[in-house]
Protein backbone atom coordinates (compact mmCIF):
# COMPACT_ATOMS: atom_id res chain seq x y z
CA MET A 1 -13.67 135.28 87.25
CA ALA A 2 -14.74 138.93 85.95
CA ALA A 3 -16.81 141.22 87.50
CA PRO A 4 -20.89 141.45 85.97
CA VAL A 5 -21.34 143.10 83.13
CA VAL A 6 -24.25 145.00 84.57
CA ALA A 7 -25.50 145.43 88.19
CA LEU A 8 -28.73 146.79 89.27
CA ARG A 9 -29.79 147.56 92.45
CA TYR A 10 -33.23 145.54 93.84
CA SER A 11 -35.86 145.65 97.39
CA ILE A 12 -37.50 143.19 97.80
CA GLY A 13 -40.30 143.74 100.12
CA PHE A 14 -42.12 142.07 102.77
CA ARG A 15 -45.61 142.26 104.23
CA ASP A 16 -46.37 140.65 107.81
CA SER A 17 -49.22 138.77 109.12
CA LYS A 18 -50.36 141.88 110.88
CA GLY A 19 -49.90 144.39 107.74
CA PHE A 20 -46.34 145.48 108.80
CA THR A 21 -43.60 146.00 106.42
CA SER A 22 -40.04 145.40 105.72
CA ARG A 23 -37.74 145.86 102.90
CA MET A 24 -34.27 144.56 101.90
CA ARG A 25 -32.27 145.24 99.56
CA PHE A 26 -29.70 143.66 96.88
CA LEU A 27 -26.90 144.44 94.18
CA ILE A 28 -27.21 141.90 91.42
CA GLY A 29 -25.40 141.62 88.89
CA ASP A 30 -25.18 139.00 85.55
CA ALA A 31 -24.24 139.46 81.79
CA THR A 32 -27.77 140.90 80.75
CA VAL A 33 -30.87 143.55 82.36
CA THR A 34 -33.11 140.03 81.80
CA ALA A 35 -30.38 137.62 83.55
CA ILE A 36 -31.00 140.05 86.66
CA ASN A 37 -34.39 140.41 86.51
CA THR A 38 -34.27 136.37 86.47
CA ASP A 39 -32.28 136.44 89.25
CA ALA A 40 -34.18 138.81 91.07
CA ASN A 41 -37.25 136.47 90.92
CA ALA A 42 -35.41 134.12 91.98
CA LEU A 43 -34.14 135.47 95.24
CA VAL A 44 -37.94 136.54 95.70
CA VAL A 45 -39.30 132.82 95.81
CA LEU A 46 -36.07 131.70 97.59
CA LEU A 47 -36.79 134.30 100.29
CA GLN A 48 -40.86 133.80 100.30
CA ALA A 49 -39.14 129.84 101.25
CA VAL A 50 -37.75 130.93 104.64
CA SER A 51 -40.30 134.10 105.84
CA ASN A 52 -43.57 133.71 106.77
CA ALA A 53 -44.08 136.97 105.61
CA HIS A 54 -45.38 137.75 102.09
CA ALA A 55 -42.39 138.66 99.86
CA TYR A 56 -42.74 141.19 96.50
CA ARG A 57 -40.69 142.91 94.11
CA THR A 58 -40.81 146.93 95.22
CA ASP A 59 -40.19 148.15 91.74
CA LEU A 60 -43.27 146.03 89.73
CA GLN A 61 -45.81 148.89 88.73
CA THR A 62 -49.28 146.44 89.95
CA PRO A 63 -48.22 146.97 94.22
CA ASP A 64 -49.05 144.10 95.83
CA HIS A 65 -50.85 144.28 99.50
CA THR A 66 -50.98 139.84 100.12
CA TYR A 67 -50.86 139.43 104.21
CA GLY A 68 -48.35 136.82 105.33
CA THR A 69 -48.85 133.95 107.42
CA THR A 70 -50.11 133.79 111.06
CA ALA A 71 -46.86 131.60 112.56
CA GLN A 72 -44.07 131.18 115.78
CA TYR A 73 -42.40 133.93 114.02
CA ALA A 74 -45.00 135.78 112.33
CA THR A 75 -44.23 139.27 112.78
CA THR A 76 -41.03 141.27 111.08
CA GLU A 77 -39.82 142.76 114.71
CA ASP A 78 -38.44 138.99 114.38
CA LYS A 79 -35.82 138.62 111.87
CA ALA A 80 -32.95 136.23 110.57
CA GLU A 81 -30.05 138.50 110.24
CA LEU A 82 -27.62 136.50 107.76
CA THR A 83 -24.64 137.56 107.06
CA PHE A 84 -21.97 137.92 104.74
CA LEU A 85 -18.73 139.27 103.53
CA ASP A 86 -17.59 140.51 99.93
CA GLN A 87 -14.45 140.74 98.19
CA GLN A 88 -13.15 143.42 100.51
CA GLY A 89 -13.91 141.85 103.35
CA LYS A 90 -16.48 144.08 103.95
CA ILE A 91 -19.67 143.13 105.88
CA HIS A 92 -22.96 142.75 104.39
CA ARG A 93 -26.33 141.60 106.74
CA PHE A 94 -29.75 140.73 105.62
CA GLN A 95 -32.30 140.65 107.41
CA VAL A 96 -35.37 138.36 106.59
CA PRO A 97 -38.52 139.62 108.58
CA ALA A 98 -40.57 136.82 110.11
CA PRO A 99 -38.33 133.77 109.44
CA LYS A 100 -39.93 130.05 109.27
CA ALA A 101 -39.11 128.93 112.88
CA ALA A 102 -38.29 125.50 110.39
CA GLY A 103 -34.46 127.34 109.22
CA PHE A 104 -33.10 127.78 112.92
CA ASN A 105 -31.41 125.32 115.07
CA THR A 106 -32.72 123.73 118.37
CA ASP A 107 -31.24 126.95 120.76
CA THR A 108 -34.05 129.48 118.35
CA GLU A 109 -31.31 131.72 118.15
CA THR A 110 -28.47 130.08 115.28
CA VAL A 111 -29.55 130.53 111.92
CA LEU A 112 -29.40 126.93 110.58
CA SER A 113 -27.48 127.22 106.73
CA SER A 114 -28.33 123.30 106.37
CA GLU A 115 -32.10 123.69 106.70
CA THR A 116 -32.68 122.95 103.01
CA ASN A 117 -34.93 126.57 102.41
CA MET A 118 -32.75 128.88 104.23
CA GLY A 119 -29.47 126.62 102.46
CA ASN A 120 -31.03 127.61 99.04
CA LEU A 121 -31.36 130.79 100.13
CA ILE A 122 -27.50 131.11 100.83
CA THR A 123 -26.68 129.63 97.70
CA GLY A 124 -28.88 131.73 96.01
CA ILE A 125 -27.09 135.14 97.66
CA SER A 126 -23.92 133.86 97.48
CA THR A 127 -24.82 133.67 93.34
CA TYR A 128 -26.64 136.21 92.70
CA VAL A 129 -25.50 139.10 95.17
CA TYR A 130 -22.31 141.04 95.48
CA GLY A 131 -20.98 144.15 97.58
CA SER A 132 -20.33 146.61 95.33
CA ILE A 133 -20.17 146.98 91.22
CA THR A 134 -16.16 146.20 90.87
CA ASP A 135 -16.48 143.10 92.49
CA THR A 136 -15.55 139.69 90.32
CA SER A 137 -17.43 137.51 92.63
CA PRO A 138 -20.91 136.85 94.87
CA MET A 139 -20.68 137.57 98.27
CA THR A 140 -20.00 134.59 100.90
CA TYR A 141 -22.04 133.31 103.78
CA VAL A 142 -19.99 133.80 107.09
CA SER A 143 -23.08 133.20 109.65
CA GLY A 144 -26.75 134.05 110.68
CA VAL A 145 -28.73 134.83 113.85
CA ARG A 146 -32.05 135.21 114.96
CA VAL A 147 -32.54 139.45 116.28
CA ARG A 148 -35.70 141.04 117.72
CA ARG A 149 -36.50 144.81 116.73
CA ARG A 150 -39.94 146.57 118.11
CA LEU A 151 -41.54 148.25 115.66
CA VAL A 152 -41.47 151.94 115.91
CA ARG A 153 -44.73 154.18 115.06
CA LYS A 154 -44.90 157.43 114.15
CA ALA A 155 -47.33 160.03 115.48
CA THR A 156 -48.26 163.06 114.84
CA GLY A 157 -50.61 166.16 117.18
CA PHE A 158 -51.56 167.54 113.60
CA THR A 159 -55.46 166.84 112.74
CA LYS A 160 -55.79 167.09 108.81
CA ASP A 161 -59.57 166.25 108.67
CA PRO A 162 -61.29 168.97 106.83
CA THR A 163 -64.80 167.63 108.20
CA LEU A 164 -64.10 168.26 111.80
CA GLY A 165 -64.27 172.27 111.03
CA ILE A 166 -60.98 173.81 112.97
CA PRO A 167 -57.77 174.65 112.24
CA GLU A 168 -54.96 172.49 112.21
CA GLU A 169 -52.70 172.56 114.88
């Protein structure tokens, strides 16, 4: 198998039911740029099927402000972390925010790769996504687990409202 003729990085964004966002980045390779766009659109559909958050391509001109659905794992704090290996043996991890409960085993911690939508996503990543531009074959799936991370919010002490009439600190 030969290396892909064209490989481009795509970023897919997610917005959960509370409005928090998250992103996943992929190196998608194929024969033409048109084929890569088709592959990126297919990945968005596959990711939407396994996530309660709304998935969208961040490179499109029209911004997408659709919110996700409220379900068992409704926020981007919960993630399904999928681990893949590329040709050189490097580990690549992709975190699907706000995963659907059906994508997990009964222990609610292990990704259930035999579930239809999760299996389709794993197959899609194993078909379209490459580890580096020199790889001659896409990545292979290793495992998946549930990850919980608290959201980090940035706060500033500066007042930047011109109507207050006081100088900025």
